[in-house]
Amino acid sequence: MNRGLEMSLRAQESIPLEMDLGCAPGEIVALIGPSGSGKTTLLRALAGLYTDVEGQISCQGRVWLDSQQRICLKPEQRRVGMVFQQYALFPHLTALQNLTLTMSHLPRQAREAAALAWLERVNLSGLHNRLSTQLSGGQRQRVALARALASKPDLLLLDEPFSAVDQVTRFRLRRELALLRKQIDIPILLVTHDLDEALQLADRICVIHHGQQLQCADPVHLMLHPASPDVARLLGLQNIFNARVSGVEQDTIVLDWAGHRVSVAQQGGPSLLGEQVSWIAPPQSILLQRPDRPVPGDSENPIAGHITELVIMGPHASVRVLPTHAPELPLSFFIPLHYVERQQLHEGMPVSLSLKAHSLHVF
């Protein structure tokens, strides 16, 4: 039975690490966090390249690590496929030879056909006799991915695999991985600094900081309900404020935000009453309109203010609004450029904001 990956790891010496995480067969779990947060250390521990850890690792029903039982399989015993940022191909070998080198599990006479089949699956048919130095960055990364999968691994580790290529190639490689994953039934861990990449590819995203696992959830839940202000900031979210709980109603928490009432559609117990809490207004919770052009029905949690910053960024505009009741607490968000042009928005203009209660979140 294919049981996927299960781990519970701790390390307290040179590199702190504390993780309890699973990854089902066919699932992609993305690991995100700032540089030095422990993402690559975790991958190295799973591959058996970093052994200064305690705990348990099991994959596909086999125990790879159990520090209490003194079990620690060597890297070559773990059947891990790895794809690195800089490809790690042998430059003196062809694409075909780079693949057949990893196919010791197959009879020698069957390796070339299997390697050609993998190159075809990653859209490299006809390029099998080219040296890696004769391939583009995107082609080399496809060879690296095919090589990792050709070894029939029980686990696939991707360490920032697309960061060394241009944006157009990166998008194509992401799409190809999304299609390819439907054909492979193994757990996949993806390390990335690119939140968009994690949101596009991952079934779940795990936020790591200082070696600690802060939150692991599906992308939608994570972005709408970060577990703490720290998680929200690591996700690049803005509009994190403090407030006092002034009321707890049925499925609603009422906040006193600098003297202004804000209702949040979220359950809360009576013990919250009077407590100081942190809350967030994600960009998707904010609607902007001109006071002289009100939109019927868009008056939930109304906030009056004026635009202090409006910066055109491609098809969107970055907007900052200072609330009239608390000008020291600006709200920042993006709106489509066509809306800016149609409403003739400009810096200094008075506006009205509506904060959608179902999209707000109290930590």
Protein backbone atom coordinates (compact mmCIF):
# COMPACT_ATOMS: atom_id res chain seq x y z
CA MET A 1 0.00 0.00 0.00
CA ASN A 2 1.33 3.46 -1.00
CA ARG A 3 1.33 5.38 2.28
CA GLY A 4 3.23 8.48 1.25
CA LEU A 5 5.65 10.37 3.46
CA GLU A 6 5.43 10.83 7.23
CA MET A 7 8.00 12.60 9.36
CA SER A 8 8.59 13.98 12.82
CA LEU A 9 12.01 15.60 13.03
CA ARG A 10 13.98 17.62 15.57
CA ALA A 11 17.46 19.11 15.45
CA GLN A 12 18.91 21.38 18.12
CA GLU A 13 22.59 21.67 17.30
CA SER A 14 23.97 23.84 14.49
CA ILE A 15 20.67 24.13 12.58
CA PRO A 16 17.40 24.09 14.58
CA LEU A 17 14.56 22.09 13.10
CA GLU A 18 11.19 20.96 14.42
CA MET A 19 8.78 19.47 11.89
CA ASP A 20 5.76 17.17 11.95
CA LEU A 21 4.57 16.77 8.40
CA GLY A 22 3.05 14.27 6.00
CA CYS A 23 2.71 14.20 2.23
CA ALA A 24 0.31 11.84 0.48
CA PRO A 25 1.11 9.99 -2.76
CA GLY A 26 0.56 12.33 -5.69
CA GLU A 27 0.38 15.38 -3.40
CA ILE A 28 2.60 18.46 -3.71
CA VAL A 29 3.47 20.18 -0.43
CA ALA A 30 5.30 23.49 -0.85
CA LEU A 31 7.74 24.68 1.81
CA ILE A 32 8.04 28.46 1.98
CA GLY A 33 9.87 30.78 4.34
CA PRO A 34 12.72 33.30 4.34
CA SER A 35 16.33 32.36 3.60
CA GLY A 36 17.81 30.38 6.48
CA SER A 37 14.44 29.17 7.74
CA GLY A 38 15.35 25.48 7.39
CA LYS A 39 13.69 24.50 4.10
CA THR A 40 16.79 23.09 2.39
CA THR A 41 17.97 21.56 5.67
CA LEU A 42 14.71 19.61 5.80
CA LEU A 43 15.20 18.32 2.26
CA ARG A 44 18.77 17.27 3.09
CA ALA A 45 17.55 15.46 6.22
CA LEU A 46 14.93 13.59 4.18
CA ALA A 47 17.52 12.61 1.55
CA GLY A 48 19.91 11.37 4.24
CA LEU A 49 22.50 14.05 3.45
CA TYR A 50 22.07 15.73 6.85
CA THR A 51 22.03 13.26 9.74
CA ASP A 52 22.28 15.48 12.81
CA VAL A 53 18.56 15.03 13.49
CA GLU A 54 16.32 13.01 15.79
CA GLY A 55 12.87 11.60 15.13
CA GLN A 56 11.22 9.40 12.54
CA ILE A 57 10.89 9.36 8.76
CA SER A 58 8.89 6.76 6.89
CA CYS A 59 8.07 6.69 3.19
CA GLN A 60 5.94 4.24 1.26
CA GLY A 61 5.75 2.06 4.38
CA ARG A 62 9.55 1.84 4.83
CA VAL A 63 11.30 3.34 7.84
CA TRP A 64 14.13 5.60 6.75
CA LEU A 65 14.94 7.08 10.14
CA ASP A 66 14.07 6.12 13.69
CA SER A 67 16.57 7.59 16.13
CA GLN A 68 15.20 5.58 19.08
CA GLN A 69 15.62 2.32 17.16
CA ARG A 70 19.00 3.49 15.78
CA ILE A 71 17.76 3.21 12.20
CA CYS A 72 19.23 5.64 9.67
CA LEU A 73 19.27 4.54 6.04
CA LYS A 74 22.03 5.88 3.79
CA PRO A 75 21.08 8.23 0.93
CA GLU A 76 21.39 5.47 -1.68
CA GLN A 77 18.96 3.32 0.33
CA ARG A 78 16.20 5.94 0.48
CA ARG A 79 15.24 6.14 -3.22
CA VAL A 80 14.88 9.89 -3.34
CA GLY A 81 14.69 11.89 -6.56
CA MET A 82 16.09 15.41 -6.26
CA VAL A 83 15.88 18.37 -8.64
CA PHE A 84 18.15 21.28 -7.83
CA GLN A 85 18.09 24.95 -8.80
CA GLN A 86 21.28 24.61 -10.88
CA TYR A 87 20.32 21.31 -12.59
CA ALA A 88 23.38 19.28 -11.37
CA LEU A 89 23.71 17.46 -14.69
CA PHE A 90 26.95 15.85 -15.86
CA PRO A 91 28.21 18.27 -18.54
CA HIS A 92 30.26 15.64 -20.41
CA LEU A 93 27.22 13.36 -20.85
CA THR A 94 24.28 13.63 -23.23
CA ALA A 95 20.72 14.06 -22.01
CA LEU A 96 20.15 10.35 -22.63
CA GLN A 97 23.28 9.33 -20.74
CA ASN A 98 22.36 11.53 -17.78
CA LEU A 99 19.15 9.52 -17.47
CA THR A 100 20.48 6.00 -18.06
CA LEU A 101 23.11 6.59 -15.37
CA THR A 102 20.32 6.57 -12.75
CA MET A 103 18.57 3.44 -14.04
CA SER A 104 20.48 0.72 -12.22
CA HIS A 105 17.10 -0.73 -11.20
CA LEU A 106 16.52 -1.78 -14.83
CA PRO A 107 18.32 -4.38 -16.98
CA ARG A 108 21.03 -2.67 -19.07
CA GLN A 109 19.28 -3.46 -22.36
CA ALA A 110 16.04 -1.78 -21.19
CA ARG A 111 17.55 1.49 -19.98
CA GLU A 112 17.83 3.39 -23.25
CA ALA A 113 14.19 2.83 -24.22
CA ALA A 114 13.02 3.84 -20.75
CA ALA A 115 15.18 6.98 -20.82
CA LEU A 116 13.85 7.97 -24.24
CA ALA A 117 10.30 7.53 -22.95
CA TRP A 118 11.01 9.86 -20.02
CA LEU A 119 12.55 12.48 -22.31
CA GLU A 120 9.42 12.32 -24.42
CA ARG A 121 7.23 12.84 -21.33
CA VAL A 122 9.09 16.07 -20.55
CA ASN A 123 8.86 17.28 -24.19
CA LEU A 124 12.50 16.63 -25.13
CA SER A 125 12.03 14.15 -27.96
CA GLY A 126 14.87 14.38 -30.48
CA LEU A 127 17.29 16.09 -28.10
CA HIS A 128 18.59 12.92 -26.42
CA ASN A 129 22.08 13.12 -28.00
CA ARG A 130 22.77 16.71 -26.98
CA LEU A 131 25.21 17.51 -24.20
CA SER A 132 23.76 19.49 -21.31
CA THR A 133 25.88 22.47 -22.39
CA GLN A 134 24.04 22.44 -25.73
CA LEU A 135 20.64 22.75 -24.05
CA SER A 136 18.80 25.84 -22.84
CA GLY A 137 18.15 26.39 -19.15
CA GLY A 138 14.58 25.16 -19.47
CA GLN A 139 15.67 22.07 -21.39
CA ARG A 140 18.34 21.27 -18.80
CA GLN A 141 15.76 21.53 -16.02
CA ARG A 142 13.49 19.15 -17.93
CA VAL A 143 16.38 16.68 -18.17
CA ALA A 144 16.99 17.07 -14.42
CA LEU A 145 13.32 16.38 -13.68
CA ALA A 146 13.23 13.38 -16.02
CA ARG A 147 16.44 12.03 -14.45
CA ALA A 148 14.97 12.33 -10.94
CA LEU A 149 11.82 10.46 -11.97
CA ALA A 150 13.62 7.88 -14.13
CA SER A 151 15.25 6.42 -11.02
CA LYS A 152 11.77 5.34 -9.82
CA PRO A 153 11.99 7.24 -6.52
CA ASP A 154 9.65 6.87 -3.57
CA LEU A 155 9.88 10.62 -2.92
CA LEU A 156 10.54 13.64 -5.17
CA LEU A 157 12.29 16.70 -3.70
CA LEU A 158 12.32 19.95 -5.68
CA ASP A 159 14.72 22.61 -4.35
CA GLU A 160 13.76 25.90 -6.05
CA PRO A 161 13.76 24.05 -9.38
CA PHE A 162 12.58 26.90 -11.62
CA SER A 163 14.32 29.95 -10.15
CA ALA A 164 17.29 29.84 -12.57
CA VAL A 165 15.21 30.30 -15.72
CA ASP A 166 13.40 33.28 -17.22
CA GLN A 167 9.78 34.07 -16.39
CA VAL A 168 8.27 32.65 -19.60
CA THR A 169 10.20 29.38 -19.24
CA ARG A 170 9.31 29.23 -15.55
CA PHE A 171 5.60 29.39 -16.36
CA ARG A 172 5.96 26.60 -18.95
CA LEU A 173 7.88 24.37 -16.53
CA ARG A 174 5.27 24.91 -13.83
CA ARG A 175 2.54 23.93 -16.26
CA GLU A 176 4.46 20.83 -17.36
CA LEU A 177 4.99 19.78 -13.74
CA ALA A 178 1.28 20.26 -13.05
CA LEU A 179 0.50 17.94 -15.98
CA LEU A 180 3.26 15.44 -15.17
CA ARG A 181 2.22 15.03 -11.54
CA LYS A 182 -0.99 13.35 -12.72
CA GLN A 183 1.17 10.49 -14.03
CA ILE A 184 3.29 9.91 -10.92
CA ASP A 185 1.97 8.58 -7.64
CA ILE A 186 4.65 9.66 -5.18
CA PRO A 187 4.84 12.44 -2.56
CA ILE A 188 6.43 15.68 -3.82
CA LEU A 189 8.01 18.37 -1.63
CA LEU A 190 8.68 21.71 -3.31
CA VAL A 191 10.96 24.35 -1.77
CA THR A 192 10.35 27.80 -3.19
CA HIS A 193 10.69 31.49 -2.38
CA ASP A 194 7.99 32.26 -4.93
CA LEU A 195 4.56 32.42 -3.29
CA ASP A 196 2.81 32.49 -6.67
CA GLU A 197 4.58 29.25 -7.59
CA ALA A 198 3.41 27.63 -4.34
CA LEU A 199 -0.16 28.86 -4.85
CA GLN A 200 -0.24 27.54 -8.43
CA LEU A 201 1.30 24.11 -7.83
CA ALA A 202 0.80 23.01 -4.24
CA ASP A 203 -2.06 21.12 -2.64
CA ARG A 204 -0.82 22.38 0.72
CA ILE A 205 1.65 25.08 1.73
CA CYS A 206 3.84 24.76 4.83
CA VAL A 207 5.19 28.02 6.26
CA ILE A 208 8.56 27.60 8.02
CA HIS A 209 10.53 30.11 10.08
CA HIS A 210 13.63 29.52 12.25
CA GLY A 211 13.23 25.79 11.66
CA GLN A 212 9.70 25.82 13.06
CA GLN A 213 6.60 24.71 11.20
CA LEU A 214 4.20 27.62 11.73
CA GLN A 215 1.23 26.52 9.63
CA CYS A 216 0.40 23.95 6.96
CA ALA A 217 -2.84 24.33 5.01
CA ASP A 218 -4.33 24.39 1.53
CA PRO A 219 -3.56 27.63 -0.36
CA VAL A 220 -7.04 29.16 -0.07
CA HIS A 221 -7.33 28.54 3.66
CA LEU A 222 -3.79 29.72 4.28
CA MET A 223 -4.26 33.05 2.51
CA LEU A 224 -7.67 33.71 4.08
CA HIS A 225 -6.95 32.39 7.57
CA PRO A 226 -3.24 32.68 8.47
CA ALA A 227 -2.65 31.25 11.93
CA SER A 228 -0.76 34.27 13.30
CA PRO A 229 0.46 37.74 12.35
CA ASP A 230 3.91 36.20 11.78
CA VAL A 231 2.49 33.79 9.19
CA ALA A 232 0.61 36.63 7.51
CA ARG A 233 3.76 38.75 7.25
CA LEU A 234 5.79 35.83 5.88
CA LEU A 235 3.10 35.46 3.19
CA GLY A 236 3.56 39.13 2.31
CA LEU A 237 0.11 40.11 3.58
CA GLN A 238 -0.49 43.66 4.75
CA ASN A 239 -3.22 45.43 6.73
CA ILE A 240 -2.53 43.72 10.06
CA PHE A 241 -3.94 45.75 12.95
CA ASN A 242 -4.70 45.58 16.66
CA ALA A 243 -8.18 46.08 18.08
CA ARG A 244 -10.29 45.42 21.17
CA VAL A 245 -13.16 42.92 21.08
CA SER A 246 -16.24 44.99 21.95
CA GLY A 247 -18.84 42.33 21.26
CA VAL A 248 -19.33 38.65 20.48
CA GLU A 249 -22.51 37.88 18.61
CA GLN A 250 -23.71 34.76 16.81
CA ASP A 251 -20.95 33.91 14.30
CA THR A 252 -19.65 37.49 14.54
CA ILE A 253 -16.82 39.19 16.41
CA VAL A 254 -17.24 42.94 16.80
CA LEU A 255 -14.02 44.95 17.02
CA ASP A 256 -13.29 48.43 18.30
CA TRP A 257 -10.62 49.51 15.82
CA ALA A 258 -9.26 52.87 16.99
CA GLY A 259 -12.80 53.91 17.91
CA HIS A 260 -14.40 52.50 14.76
CA ARG A 261 -16.71 49.44 14.73
CA VAL A 262 -15.64 46.53 12.51
CA SER A 263 -17.67 43.31 12.28
CA VAL A 264 -15.88 40.06 11.41
CA ALA A 265 -17.83 36.97 10.35
CA GLN A 266 -16.02 34.56 12.66
CA GLN A 267 -17.00 32.52 15.70
CA GLY A 268 -15.67 33.61 19.08
CA GLY A 269 -16.41 32.75 22.70
CA PRO A 270 -17.46 35.12 25.51
CA SER A 271 -13.91 34.96 26.88
CA LEU A 272 -12.81 37.17 23.98
CA LEU A 273 -14.89 40.11 25.18
CA GLY A 274 -12.63 43.02 26.09
CA GLU A 275 -9.48 41.26 24.80
CA GLN A 276 -6.87 42.94 22.63
CA VAL A 277 -6.49 40.95 19.40
CA SER A 278 -4.78 41.19 16.04
CA TRP A 279 -6.84 41.12 12.86
CA ILE A 280 -6.20 41.34 9.12
CA ALA A 281 -7.98 42.85 6.14
CA PRO A 282 -6.71 40.86 3.12
CA PRO A 283 -6.71 42.70 -0.22
CA GLN A 284 -9.74 40.73 -1.42
CA SER A 285 -11.77 42.00 1.56
CA ILE A 286 -11.52 45.66 0.50
CA LEU A 287 -13.89 47.40 -1.93
CA LEU A 288 -13.21 51.00 -2.96
CA GLN A 289 -15.68 53.52 -4.35
CA ARG A 290 -16.05 57.23 -4.79
CA PRO A 291 -18.41 58.80 -2.23
CA ASP A 292 -20.23 60.60 -5.05
CA ARG A 293 -20.71 57.32 -6.95
CA PRO A 294 -21.90 54.84 -4.30
CA VAL A 295 -22.53 51.23 -5.29
CA PRO A 296 -25.71 49.79 -3.72
CA GLY A 297 -24.97 46.94 -1.33
CA ASP A 298 -21.25 47.74 -0.96
CA SER A 299 -21.50 49.41 2.44
CA GLU A 300 -20.34 46.59 4.76
CA ASN A 301 -18.00 47.94 7.46
CA PRO A 302 -17.78 51.37 5.75
CA ILE A 303 -14.51 53.29 6.18
CA ALA A 304 -14.08 56.89 5.03
CA GLY A 305 -10.63 58.04 3.96
CA HIS A 306 -8.54 59.49 1.17
CA ILE A 307 -5.97 58.13 -1.28
CA THR A 308 -2.39 58.99 -0.34
CA GLU A 309 -0.62 56.70 -2.82
CA LEU A 310 -1.62 55.39 -6.25
CA VAL A 311 1.09 53.62 -8.25
CA ILE A 312 0.44 52.01 -11.64
CA MET A 313 1.95 48.51 -11.79
CA GLY A 314 1.07 46.88 -15.10
CA PRO A 315 -2.64 45.94 -15.26
CA HIS A 316 -3.12 46.90 -11.59
CA ALA A 317 -2.60 49.89 -9.34
CA SER A 318 -1.18 49.79 -5.83
CA VAL A 319 -3.36 51.96 -3.62
CA ARG A 320 -2.91 53.24 -0.08
CA VAL A 321 -5.81 54.84 1.78
CA LEU A 322 -5.60 56.67 5.10
CA PRO A 323 -8.79 56.17 7.14
CA THR A 324 -10.28 59.44 8.42
CA HIS A 325 -10.74 58.04 11.94
CA ALA A 326 -7.14 56.69 12.15
CA PRO A 327 -4.78 58.25 9.56
CA GLU A 328 -1.82 56.48 11.20
CA LEU A 329 -3.28 53.08 10.16
CA PRO A 330 -3.22 52.99 6.33
CA LEU A 331 -4.88 50.25 4.28
CA SER A 332 -2.98 48.98 1.22
CA PHE A 333 -4.36 46.90 -1.66
CA PHE A 334 -4.46 46.48 -5.45
CA ILE A 335 -7.24 47.43 -7.84
CA PRO A 336 -7.52 46.90 -11.62
CA LEU A 337 -6.12 49.70 -13.75
CA HIS A 338 -9.34 49.93 -15.76
CA TYR A 339 -11.24 50.73 -12.54
CA VAL A 340 -8.76 53.52 -11.75
CA GLU A 341 -9.29 55.01 -15.19
CA ARG A 342 -13.07 54.62 -15.21
CA GLN A 343 -13.49 56.17 -11.75
CA GLN A 344 -10.78 58.79 -12.44
CA LEU A 345 -9.06 58.01 -9.16
CA HIS A 346 -6.09 60.10 -8.09
CA GLU A 347 -3.96 60.84 -5.04
CA GLY A 348 -5.68 63.09 -2.51
CA MET A 349 -9.18 61.99 -3.56
CA PRO A 350 -11.67 61.18 -0.75
CA VAL A 351 -12.94 57.60 -1.06
CA SER A 352 -15.11 55.15 0.81
CA LEU A 353 -13.95 51.63 1.62
CA SER A 354 -16.08 48.63 2.44
CA LEU A 355 -14.50 45.76 4.42
CA LYS A 356 -16.26 42.48 3.69
CA ALA A 357 -16.92 40.76 7.02
CA HIS A 358 -16.55 37.23 5.62
CA SER A 359 -13.05 37.98 4.29
CA LEU A 360 -11.68 39.60 7.47
CA HIS A 361 -9.86 37.41 9.97
CA VAL A 362 -9.15 37.66 13.71
CA PHE A 363 -6.04 35.78 14.81
